[in-house]
Amino acid sequence: MGAWGTAISSNDTYADIYEEFIDLYNDGGSVTKITEQLINDNQETINLPEDATNFWFAIANAQWECKELDKYILKKVEDIVNTGEDLRIWKELEASESDLKAREKVLIKFLAKIKTEKEKPRRRTKKKVYTSIFKKGDCLTYVMDNGNYGGAFVLTDEQETPTGMNYIAITTIDKVEKPTLIDFKNAEIYVKRRKLFIFKENSAVEEWSDEPEIGGFFADSFKKEKIEIDVIAQLPIHNNYVIRQDRFTGFGWGVLKESIPFKTEYTRINGKAKLTLKLSEWSKV
């Protein structure tokens, strides 16, 4: 069940189903079709006693918010509450007496709420989407915290996604004058020696690893960070960067200014990386 409280919404099943329902509703789906889809897609959940009640509570609440609570769904929730089915499950899961009393009050209040028709249906809200700030292949330069110019290379871009992510590789460029295209063609990626926690056979093991300073930069936070970045050139990509799903690294834009000036101190503390990586790994030089 994955509960973290006695509230109707305080469990994983409810949260997942409710979120999916509202996402589909905001995308323009009809309440009837959404309900049918979620019921068809979640038969395993519906057939697990400890999850089923929370599934129906999520459907009922979402329908009620949209002012289209189906009579069948309402009856389903009424039966769950009035027969004590939900409380029985909580008892079997060894809930405390105080939690059982609190849950009972929550159920009674929830049923009373959805039996009262909502004044207005929930408004459909359009999801915000973002396009990446920079284009794949852009050579970026900016003034770093040490007063010198740094350089970074854009490996990926996105069009109209929830994050508008750019994956950007920070290079070791550290110059008094603004770098040129030649500097980028000869550039190395900054590689840091990092301590990682690797999960093996149900236990966490600490391992040192040489990791390129490559991370995801979010479009929606770019303006907030107020960092001035110039695109001085474009280099064609010949080897697409493969995003590691098992080890996501998200950076704030300020890392561009901070990373290289702190490089010497970081190496002193954590040791020098053995891996060397050229920008030519991805770009045609």
C-alpha atoms as a PDB file:
ATOM      1  CA  MET A   1       0.000   0.000   0.000  1.00  0.00           C
ATOM      2  CA  GLY A   2       2.922   2.345   0.696  1.00  0.00           C
ATOM      3  CA  ALA A   3       1.049   4.606   3.135  1.00  0.00           C
ATOM      4  CA  TRP A   4       2.752   7.510   4.881  1.00  0.00           C
ATOM      5  CA  GLY A   5      -0.302   8.837   6.727  1.00  0.00           C
ATOM      6  CA  THR A   6      -4.013   8.335   7.378  1.00  0.00           C
ATOM      7  CA  ALA A   7      -5.230  10.902   4.834  1.00  0.00           C
ATOM      8  CA  ILE A   8      -7.027   9.616   1.740  1.00  0.00           C
ATOM      9  CA  SER A   9      -4.164  10.799  -0.459  1.00  0.00           C
ATOM     10  CA  SER A  10      -1.309   9.605   1.773  1.00  0.00           C
ATOM     11  CA  ASN A  11      -0.342   6.433  -0.063  1.00  0.00           C
ATOM     12  CA  ASP A  12       1.436   5.482  -3.277  1.00  0.00           C
ATOM     13  CA  THR A  13      -1.534   3.860  -5.006  1.00  0.00           C
ATOM     14  CA  TYR A  14      -3.819   6.857  -4.569  1.00  0.00           C
ATOM     15  CA  ALA A  15      -1.072   9.311  -5.560  1.00  0.00           C
ATOM     16  CA  ASP A  16      -0.176   7.425  -8.757  1.00  0.00           C
ATOM     17  CA  ILE A  17      -3.753   6.875  -9.944  1.00  0.00           C
ATOM     18  CA  TYR A  18      -4.936  10.387  -9.089  1.00  0.00           C
ATOM     19  CA  GLU A  19      -1.936  11.982 -10.805  1.00  0.00           C
ATOM     20  CA  GLU A  20      -2.425   9.931 -13.965  1.00  0.00           C
ATOM     21  CA  PHE A  21      -6.155  10.736 -14.018  1.00  0.00           C
ATOM     22  CA  ILE A  22      -5.545  14.490 -13.724  1.00  0.00           C
ATOM     23  CA  ASP A  23      -2.761  14.396 -16.321  1.00  0.00           C
ATOM     24  CA  LEU A  24      -5.089  12.692 -18.811  1.00  0.00           C
ATOM     25  CA  TYR A  25      -7.878  15.136 -17.925  1.00  0.00           C
ATOM     26  CA  ASN A  26      -5.584  18.117 -18.530  1.00  0.00           C
ATOM     27  CA  ASP A  27      -4.633  16.581 -21.877  1.00  0.00           C
ATOM     28  CA  GLY A  28      -8.287  16.801 -22.906  1.00  0.00           C
ATOM     29  CA  GLY A  29      -9.516  13.278 -22.120  1.00  0.00           C
ATOM     30  CA  SER A  30     -13.134  12.699 -21.121  1.00  0.00           C
ATOM     31  CA  VAL A  31     -13.789  11.552 -17.553  1.00  0.00           C
ATOM     32  CA  THR A  32     -15.563   8.407 -18.796  1.00  0.00           C
ATOM     33  CA  LYS A  33     -12.749   7.377 -21.139  1.00  0.00           C
ATOM     34  CA  ILE A  34     -10.070   8.125 -18.543  1.00  0.00           C
ATOM     35  CA  THR A  35     -11.886   6.009 -15.962  1.00  0.00           C
ATOM     36  CA  GLU A  36     -12.256   3.107 -18.380  1.00  0.00           C
ATOM     37  CA  GLN A  37      -8.567   3.304 -19.306  1.00  0.00           C
ATOM     38  CA  LEU A  38      -7.356   3.357 -15.698  1.00  0.00           C
ATOM     39  CA  ILE A  39      -9.594   0.461 -14.708  1.00  0.00           C
ATOM     40  CA  ASN A  40      -8.425  -1.606 -17.677  1.00  0.00           C
ATOM     41  CA  ASP A  41      -4.760  -0.758 -17.089  1.00  0.00           C
ATOM     42  CA  ASN A  42      -4.785  -1.442 -13.343  1.00  0.00           C
ATOM     43  CA  GLN A  43      -6.481  -4.806 -12.946  1.00  0.00           C
ATOM     44  CA  GLU A  44      -3.612  -6.117 -10.837  1.00  0.00           C
ATOM     45  CA  THR A  45      -3.966  -3.206  -8.421  1.00  0.00           C
ATOM     46  CA  ILE A  46      -7.744  -3.586  -8.251  1.00  0.00           C
ATOM     47  CA  ASN A  47      -7.347  -7.263  -7.375  1.00  0.00           C
ATOM     48  CA  LEU A  48      -4.977  -6.593  -4.475  1.00  0.00           C
ATOM     49  CA  PRO A  49      -7.084  -5.916  -1.348  1.00  0.00           C
ATOM     50  CA  GLU A  50      -4.501  -3.572   0.219  1.00  0.00           C
ATOM     51  CA  ASP A  51      -4.413  -1.422  -2.955  1.00  0.00           C
ATOM     52  CA  ALA A  52      -7.948  -1.682  -4.304  1.00  0.00           C
ATOM     53  CA  THR A  53      -9.638   0.697  -1.857  1.00  0.00           C
ATOM     54  CA  ASN A  54      -7.089   3.424  -2.528  1.00  0.00           C
ATOM     55  CA  PHE A  55      -7.543   2.940  -6.273  1.00  0.00           C
ATOM     56  CA  TRP A  56     -11.294   3.574  -5.984  1.00  0.00           C
ATOM     57  CA  PHE A  57     -10.789   6.533  -3.658  1.00  0.00           C
ATOM     58  CA  ALA A  58      -8.489   8.150  -6.231  1.00  0.00           C
ATOM     59  CA  ILE A  59     -10.927   7.578  -9.089  1.00  0.00           C
ATOM     60  CA  ALA A  60     -13.849   8.878  -7.019  1.00  0.00           C
ATOM     61  CA  ASN A  61     -12.063  12.027  -5.902  1.00  0.00           C
ATOM     62  CA  ALA A  62     -10.782  12.835  -9.383  1.00  0.00           C
ATOM     63  CA  GLN A  63     -14.243  12.333 -10.890  1.00  0.00           C
ATOM     64  CA  TRP A  64     -15.804  14.471  -8.140  1.00  0.00           C
ATOM     65  CA  GLU A  65     -13.310  17.283  -8.802  1.00  0.00           C
ATOM     66  CA  CYS A  66     -14.291  17.179 -12.470  1.00  0.00           C
ATOM     67  CA  LYS A  67     -17.968  17.256 -11.382  1.00  0.00           C
ATOM     68  CA  GLU A  68     -18.638  13.930 -13.093  1.00  0.00           C
ATOM     69  CA  LEU A  69     -18.773  11.430 -10.237  1.00  0.00           C
ATOM     70  CA  ASP A  70     -20.236   8.225 -11.614  1.00  0.00           C
ATOM     71  CA  LYS A  71     -22.999   6.574  -9.557  1.00  0.00           C
ATOM     72  CA  TYR A  72     -21.228   3.211  -9.747  1.00  0.00           C
ATOM     73  CA  ILE A  73     -17.989   4.705  -8.411  1.00  0.00           C
ATOM     74  CA  LEU A  74     -19.829   6.506  -5.611  1.00  0.00           C
ATOM     75  CA  LYS A  75     -21.582   3.255  -4.652  1.00  0.00           C
ATOM     76  CA  LYS A  76     -18.206   1.481  -4.671  1.00  0.00           C
ATOM     77  CA  VAL A  77     -16.767   3.990  -2.202  1.00  0.00           C
ATOM     78  CA  GLU A  78     -19.907   3.902  -0.044  1.00  0.00           C
ATOM     79  CA  ASP A  79     -19.635   0.126   0.244  1.00  0.00           C
ATOM     80  CA  ILE A  80     -15.937   0.303   1.138  1.00  0.00           C
ATOM     81  CA  VAL A  81     -16.597   2.838   3.898  1.00  0.00           C
ATOM     82  CA  ASN A  82     -19.869   1.453   5.250  1.00  0.00           C
ATOM     83  CA  THR A  83     -18.724  -2.174   5.390  1.00  0.00           C
ATOM     84  CA  GLY A  84     -15.468  -1.239   7.090  1.00  0.00           C
ATOM     85  CA  GLU A  85     -13.455  -2.905   4.334  1.00  0.00           C
ATOM     86  CA  ASP A  86     -10.726  -0.261   4.351  1.00  0.00           C
ATOM     87  CA  LEU A  87     -10.363  -0.346   8.146  1.00  0.00           C
ATOM     88  CA  ARG A  88     -10.192  -4.146   8.053  1.00  0.00           C
ATOM     89  CA  ILE A  89      -7.221  -3.940   5.698  1.00  0.00           C
ATOM     90  CA  TRP A  90      -5.522  -1.407   7.957  1.00  0.00           C
ATOM     91  CA  LYS A  91      -6.028  -3.758  10.927  1.00  0.00           C
ATOM     92  CA  GLU A  92      -4.507  -6.648   8.980  1.00  0.00           C
ATOM     93  CA  LEU A  93      -1.518  -4.422   8.269  1.00  0.00           C
ATOM     94  CA  GLU A  94      -1.226  -3.905  12.033  1.00  0.00           C
ATOM     95  CA  ALA A  95      -2.144  -0.225  12.143  1.00  0.00           C
ATOM     96  CA  SER A  96      -2.230   1.332  15.629  1.00  0.00           C
ATOM     97  CA  GLU A  97      -5.514   2.114  17.380  1.00  0.00           C
ATOM     98  CA  SER A  98      -4.876   5.844  17.037  1.00  0.00           C
ATOM     99  CA  ASP A  99      -4.288   5.480  13.271  1.00  0.00           C
ATOM    100  CA  LEU A 100      -7.461   3.384  12.897  1.00  0.00           C
ATOM    101  CA  LYS A 101      -9.541   6.043  14.648  1.00  0.00           C
ATOM    102  CA  ALA A 102      -7.971   8.785  12.552  1.00  0.00           C
ATOM    103  CA  ARG A 103      -8.516   6.802   9.347  1.00  0.00           C
ATOM    104  CA  GLU A 104     -12.171   6.199  10.232  1.00  0.00           C
ATOM    105  CA  LYS A 105     -12.770   9.945  10.613  1.00  0.00           C
ATOM    106  CA  VAL A 106     -11.017  10.581   7.307  1.00  0.00           C
ATOM    107  CA  LEU A 107     -13.216   8.026   5.500  1.00  0.00           C
ATOM    108  CA  ILE A 108     -16.449   9.478   6.905  1.00  0.00           C
ATOM    109  CA  LYS A 109     -15.407  12.988   5.945  1.00  0.00           C
ATOM    110  CA  PHE A 110     -14.313  11.897   2.463  1.00  0.00           C
ATOM    111  CA  LEU A 111     -17.603  10.117   1.757  1.00  0.00           C
ATOM    112  CA  ALA A 112     -19.588  13.134   2.930  1.00  0.00           C
ATOM    113  CA  LYS A 113     -17.548  15.367   0.638  1.00  0.00           C
ATOM    114  CA  ILE A 114     -18.017  13.388  -2.561  1.00  0.00           C
ATOM    115  CA  LYS A 115     -21.757  12.962  -1.846  1.00  0.00           C
ATOM    116  CA  THR A 116     -22.027  16.753  -1.979  1.00  0.00           C
ATOM    117  CA  GLU A 117     -21.935  17.973  -5.563  1.00  0.00           C
ATOM    118  CA  LYS A 118     -19.071  20.305  -6.368  1.00  0.00           C
ATOM    119  CA  GLU A 119     -20.038  23.803  -7.483  1.00  0.00           C
ATOM    120  CA  LYS A 120     -17.748  24.011 -10.496  1.00  0.00           C
ATOM    121  CA  PRO A 121     -15.706  21.379 -12.350  1.00  0.00           C
ATOM    122  CA  ARG A 122     -11.951  21.427 -12.098  1.00  0.00           C
ATOM    123  CA  ARG A 123     -10.368  23.602 -14.773  1.00  0.00           C
ATOM    124  CA  ARG A 124      -8.162  21.874 -17.277  1.00  0.00           C
ATOM    125  CA  THR A 125      -4.671  23.303 -17.037  1.00  0.00           C
ATOM    126  CA  LYS A 126      -2.234  23.159 -19.879  1.00  0.00           C
ATOM    127  CA  LYS A 127       1.141  21.674 -18.993  1.00  0.00           C
ATOM    128  CA  LYS A 128       4.080  23.991 -19.331  1.00  0.00           C
ATOM    129  CA  VAL A 129       6.579  22.865 -21.920  1.00  0.00           C
ATOM    130  CA  TYR A 130      10.021  24.215 -22.641  1.00  0.00           C
ATOM    131  CA  THR A 131      12.465  24.262 -25.510  1.00  0.00           C
ATOM    132  CA  SER A 132      16.139  23.978 -24.620  1.00  0.00           C
ATOM    133  CA  ILE A 133      17.999  27.260 -24.244  1.00  0.00           C
ATOM    134  CA  PHE A 134      20.818  26.168 -26.540  1.00  0.00           C
ATOM    135  CA  LYS A 135      21.156  23.962 -29.609  1.00  0.00           C
ATOM    136  CA  LYS A 136      23.120  20.750 -29.902  1.00  0.00           C
ATOM    137  CA  GLY A 137      26.639  21.586 -31.058  1.00  0.00           C
ATOM    138  CA  ASP A 138      26.747  25.110 -29.573  1.00  0.00           C
ATOM    139  CA  CYS A 139      30.098  26.218 -28.165  1.00  0.00           C
ATOM    140  CA  LEU A 140      29.378  28.298 -25.072  1.00  0.00           C
ATOM    141  CA  THR A 141      31.617  30.764 -23.302  1.00  0.00           C
ATOM    142  CA  TYR A 142      31.106  32.826 -20.141  1.00  0.00           C
ATOM    143  CA  VAL A 143      33.070  34.649 -17.458  1.00  0.00           C
ATOM    144  CA  MET A 144      33.852  32.374 -14.520  1.00  0.00           C
ATOM    145  CA  ASP A 145      34.234  33.208 -10.832  1.00  0.00           C
ATOM    146  CA  ASN A 146      38.025  33.589 -11.275  1.00  0.00           C
ATOM    147  CA  GLY A 147      37.515  36.298 -13.907  1.00  0.00           C
ATOM    148  CA  ASN A 148      38.668  34.093 -16.789  1.00  0.00           C
ATOM    149  CA  TYR A 149      36.590  32.755 -19.655  1.00  0.00           C
ATOM    150  CA  GLY A 150      35.352  29.192 -19.527  1.00  0.00           C
ATOM    151  CA  GLY A 151      33.894  26.988 -22.241  1.00  0.00           C
ATOM    152  CA  ALA A 152      31.210  24.329 -22.466  1.00  0.00           C
ATOM    153  CA  PHE A 153      29.792  22.235 -25.291  1.00  0.00           C
ATOM    154  CA  VAL A 154      26.114  21.425 -25.824  1.00  0.00           C
ATOM    155  CA  LEU A 155      25.572  17.710 -26.417  1.00  0.00           C
ATOM    156  CA  THR A 156      21.755  17.493 -26.578  1.00  0.00           C
ATOM    157  CA  ASP A 157      18.673  19.648 -26.954  1.00  0.00           C
ATOM    158  CA  GLU A 158      14.901  19.200 -26.689  1.00  0.00           C
ATOM    159  CA  GLN A 159      11.799  20.741 -28.208  1.00  0.00           C
ATOM    160  CA  GLU A 160       8.701  21.410 -26.077  1.00  0.00           C
ATOM    161  CA  THR A 161       9.305  18.979 -23.223  1.00  0.00           C
ATOM    162  CA  PRO A 162       8.508  19.344 -19.498  1.00  0.00           C
ATOM    163  CA  THR A 163      12.153  20.300 -18.777  1.00  0.00           C
ATOM    164  CA  GLY A 164      13.685  21.672 -21.992  1.00  0.00           C
ATOM    165  CA  MET A 165      16.898  19.949 -20.984  1.00  0.00           C
ATOM    166  CA  ASN A 166      20.338  20.606 -22.429  1.00  0.00           C
ATOM    167  CA  TYR A 167      23.062  18.112 -21.588  1.00  0.00           C
ATOM    168  CA  ILE A 168      26.225  20.183 -21.500  1.00  0.00           C
ATOM    169  CA  ALA A 169      29.884  19.143 -21.151  1.00  0.00           C
ATOM    170  CA  ILE A 170      32.092  21.533 -19.187  1.00  0.00           C
ATOM    171  CA  THR A 171      35.560  21.805 -20.722  1.00  0.00           C
ATOM    172  CA  THR A 172      38.871  22.695 -19.057  1.00  0.00           C
ATOM    173  CA  ILE A 173      39.074  25.981 -21.010  1.00  0.00           C
ATOM    174  CA  ASP A 174      40.317  28.687 -18.628  1.00  0.00           C
ATOM    175  CA  LYS A 175      41.509  31.776 -20.525  1.00  0.00           C
ATOM    176  CA  VAL A 176      42.027  35.487 -19.933  1.00  0.00           C
ATOM    177  CA  GLU A 177      40.691  36.206 -23.421  1.00  0.00           C
ATOM    178  CA  LYS A 178      37.461  34.906 -24.914  1.00  0.00           C
ATOM    179  CA  PRO A 179      38.096  31.405 -26.363  1.00  0.00           C
ATOM    180  CA  THR A 180      37.958  30.768 -30.092  1.00  0.00           C
ATOM    181  CA  LEU A 181      36.715  27.893 -32.187  1.00  0.00           C
ATOM    182  CA  ILE A 182      40.273  26.506 -32.209  1.00  0.00           C
ATOM    183  CA  ASP A 183      40.203  26.351 -28.409  1.00  0.00           C
ATOM    184  CA  PHE A 184      37.032  24.288 -28.546  1.00  0.00           C
ATOM    185  CA  LYS A 185      38.401  21.951 -31.198  1.00  0.00           C
ATOM    186  CA  ASN A 186      41.357  21.183 -28.922  1.00  0.00           C
ATOM    187  CA  ALA A 187      39.383  21.187 -25.675  1.00  0.00           C
ATOM    188  CA  GLU A 188      39.259  18.449 -23.078  1.00  0.00           C
ATOM    189  CA  ILE A 189      36.204  17.662 -20.970  1.00  0.00           C
ATOM    190  CA  TYR A 190      36.724  18.286 -17.287  1.00  0.00           C
ATOM    191  CA  VAL A 191      36.782  14.881 -15.550  1.00  0.00           C
ATOM    192  CA  LYS A 192      36.334  14.658 -11.778  1.00  0.00           C
ATOM    193  CA  ARG A 193      37.216  11.798  -9.460  1.00  0.00           C
ATOM    194  CA  ARG A 194      33.970  11.128  -7.588  1.00  0.00           C
ATOM    195  CA  LYS A 195      32.948   8.758  -4.827  1.00  0.00           C
ATOM    196  CA  LEU A 196      29.813   6.892  -5.898  1.00  0.00           C
ATOM    197  CA  PHE A 197      27.475   4.674  -3.926  1.00  0.00           C
ATOM    198  CA  ILE A 198      26.882   1.517  -5.958  1.00  0.00           C
ATOM    199  CA  PHE A 199      24.136  -0.887  -4.946  1.00  0.00           C
ATOM    200  CA  LYS A 200      25.268  -4.510  -5.152  1.00  0.00           C
ATOM    201  CA  GLU A 201      23.434  -7.504  -3.731  1.00  0.00           C
ATOM    202  CA  ASN A 202      21.152  -5.428  -1.489  1.00  0.00           C
ATOM    203  CA  SER A 203      24.005  -3.365  -0.045  1.00  0.00           C
ATOM    204  CA  ALA A 204      25.631  -0.035  -0.881  1.00  0.00           C
ATOM    205  CA  VAL A 205      29.323  -0.023  -1.771  1.00  0.00           C
ATOM    206  CA  GLU A 206      31.474   3.096  -2.066  1.00  0.00           C
ATOM    207  CA  GLU A 207      33.554   3.225  -5.233  1.00  0.00           C
ATOM    208  CA  TRP A 208      35.733   5.916  -6.768  1.00  0.00           C
ATOM    209  CA  SER A 209      35.012   6.675 -10.398  1.00  0.00           C
ATOM    210  CA  ASP A 210      36.290   9.141 -13.011  1.00  0.00           C
ATOM    211  CA  GLU A 211      33.200  11.037 -14.134  1.00  0.00           C
ATOM    212  CA  PRO A 212      33.044  13.649 -16.939  1.00  0.00           C
ATOM    213  CA  GLU A 213      31.534  16.958 -15.798  1.00  0.00           C
ATOM    214  CA  ILE A 214      28.463  16.499 -17.970  1.00  0.00           C
ATOM    215  CA  GLY A 215      25.001  17.254 -16.686  1.00  0.00           C
ATOM    216  CA  GLY A 216      21.467  18.286 -17.483  1.00  0.00           C
ATOM    217  CA  PHE A 217      20.639  22.005 -17.425  1.00  0.00           C
ATOM    218  CA  PHE A 218      16.964  22.989 -17.145  1.00  0.00           C
ATOM    219  CA  ALA A 219      15.430  25.668 -19.356  1.00  0.00           C
ATOM    220  CA  ASP A 220      13.035  26.953 -16.704  1.00  0.00           C
ATOM    221  CA  SER A 221      15.846  27.946 -14.324  1.00  0.00           C
ATOM    222  CA  PHE A 222      18.027  29.769 -16.867  1.00  0.00           C
ATOM    223  CA  LYS A 223      16.619  33.276 -16.357  1.00  0.00           C
ATOM    224  CA  LYS A 224      16.677  32.949 -12.569  1.00  0.00           C
ATOM    225  CA  GLU A 225      20.417  32.270 -12.500  1.00  0.00           C
ATOM    226  CA  LYS A 226      21.245  35.399 -14.539  1.00  0.00           C
ATOM    227  CA  ILE A 227      24.418  34.089 -16.140  1.00  0.00           C
ATOM    228  CA  GLU A 228      25.573  35.679 -19.400  1.00  0.00           C
ATOM    229  CA  ILE A 229      26.515  33.059 -21.974  1.00  0.00           C
ATOM    230  CA  ASP A 230      27.702  33.649 -25.526  1.00  0.00           C
ATOM    231  CA  VAL A 231      27.507  31.139 -28.360  1.00  0.00           C
ATOM    232  CA  ILE A 232      30.737  31.651 -30.292  1.00  0.00           C
ATOM    233  CA  ALA A 233      30.405  28.807 -32.787  1.00  0.00           C
ATOM    234  CA  GLN A 234      28.699  25.564 -33.728  1.00  0.00           C
ATOM    235  CA  LEU A 235      30.416  22.206 -34.118  1.00  0.00           C
ATOM    236  CA  PRO A 236      28.601  19.344 -35.836  1.00  0.00           C
ATOM    237  CA  ILE A 237      27.913  16.282 -33.696  1.00  0.00           C
ATOM    238  CA  HIS A 238      29.116  13.001 -35.189  1.00  0.00           C
ATOM    239  CA  ASN A 239      28.528  10.798 -32.129  1.00  0.00           C
ATOM    240  CA  ASN A 240      25.289  11.373 -30.226  1.00  0.00           C
ATOM    241  CA  TYR A 241      25.606  11.625 -26.477  1.00  0.00           C
ATOM    242  CA  VAL A 242      23.848   8.732 -24.709  1.00  0.00           C
ATOM    243  CA  ILE A 243      22.081   9.900 -21.557  1.00  0.00           C
ATOM    244  CA  ARG A 244      22.671   7.547 -18.640  1.00  0.00           C
ATOM    245  CA  GLN A 245      19.321   6.674 -17.090  1.00  0.00           C
ATOM    246  CA  ASP A 246      20.971   5.066 -14.040  1.00  0.00           C
ATOM    247  CA  ARG A 247      23.008   8.096 -13.047  1.00  0.00           C
ATOM    248  CA  PHE A 248      21.247  11.365 -13.759  1.00  0.00           C
ATOM    249  CA  THR A 249      23.213  14.495 -12.908  1.00  0.00           C
ATOM    250  CA  GLY A 250      21.347  17.786 -12.887  1.00  0.00           C
ATOM    251  CA  PHE A 251      23.320  21.041 -12.756  1.00  0.00           C
ATOM    252  CA  GLY A 252      22.359  24.575 -11.930  1.00  0.00           C
ATOM    253  CA  TRP A 253      23.625  27.055 -14.524  1.00  0.00           C
ATOM    254  CA  GLY A 254      25.945  28.550 -11.914  1.00  0.00           C
ATOM    255  CA  VAL A 255      28.112  25.405 -12.095  1.00  0.00           C
ATOM    256  CA  LEU A 256      29.503  26.737 -15.377  1.00  0.00           C
ATOM    257  CA  LYS A 257      31.075  29.644 -13.485  1.00  0.00           C
ATOM    258  CA  GLU A 258      32.155  27.689 -10.405  1.00  0.00           C
ATOM    259  CA  SER A 259      33.449  24.320 -11.582  1.00  0.00           C
ATOM    260  CA  ILE A 260      36.817  25.129 -13.188  1.00  0.00           C
ATOM    261  CA  PRO A 261      37.920  27.794 -10.657  1.00  0.00           C
ATOM    262  CA  PHE A 262      37.481  25.147  -7.934  1.00  0.00           C
ATOM    263  CA  LYS A 263      39.241  22.446  -9.980  1.00  0.00           C
ATOM    264  CA  THR A 264      42.640  22.658  -8.229  1.00  0.00           C
ATOM    265  CA  GLU A 265      41.123  22.516  -4.760  1.00  0.00           C
ATOM    266  CA  TYR A 266      38.775  19.683  -5.749  1.00  0.00           C
ATOM    267  CA  THR A 267      41.696  17.643  -7.114  1.00  0.00           C
ATOM    268  CA  ARG A 268      43.701  18.261  -3.929  1.00  0.00           C
ATOM    269  CA  ILE A 269      40.863  16.864  -1.819  1.00  0.00           C
ATOM    270  CA  ASN A 270      39.695  13.967  -4.015  1.00  0.00           C
ATOM    271  CA  GLY A 271      42.681  13.087  -6.171  1.00  0.00           C
ATOM    272  CA  LYS A 272      43.377  13.459  -9.877  1.00  0.00           C
ATOM    273  CA  ALA A 273      41.240  11.623 -12.427  1.00  0.00           C
ATOM    274  CA  LYS A 274      43.083   9.259 -14.765  1.00  0.00           C
ATOM    275  CA  LEU A 275      40.489   9.433 -17.540  1.00  0.00           C
ATOM    276  CA  THR A 276      41.033  11.986 -20.308  1.00  0.00           C
ATOM    277  CA  LEU A 277      38.238  12.871 -22.677  1.00  0.00           C
ATOM    278  CA  LYS A 278      38.427  15.156 -25.700  1.00  0.00           C
ATOM    279  CA  LEU A 279      35.577  17.166 -27.110  1.00  0.00           C
ATOM    280  CA  SER A 280      36.285  15.352 -30.378  1.00  0.00           C
ATOM    281  CA  GLU A 281      34.601  12.314 -28.761  1.00  0.00           C
ATOM    282  CA  TRP A 282      31.317  13.841 -30.009  1.00  0.00           C
ATOM    283  CA  SER A 283      32.178  16.684 -32.384  1.00  0.00           C
ATOM    284  CA  LYS A 284      33.728  16.792 -35.810  1.00  0.00           C
ATOM    285  CA  VAL A 285      36.887  18.814 -35.483  1.00  0.00           C
END
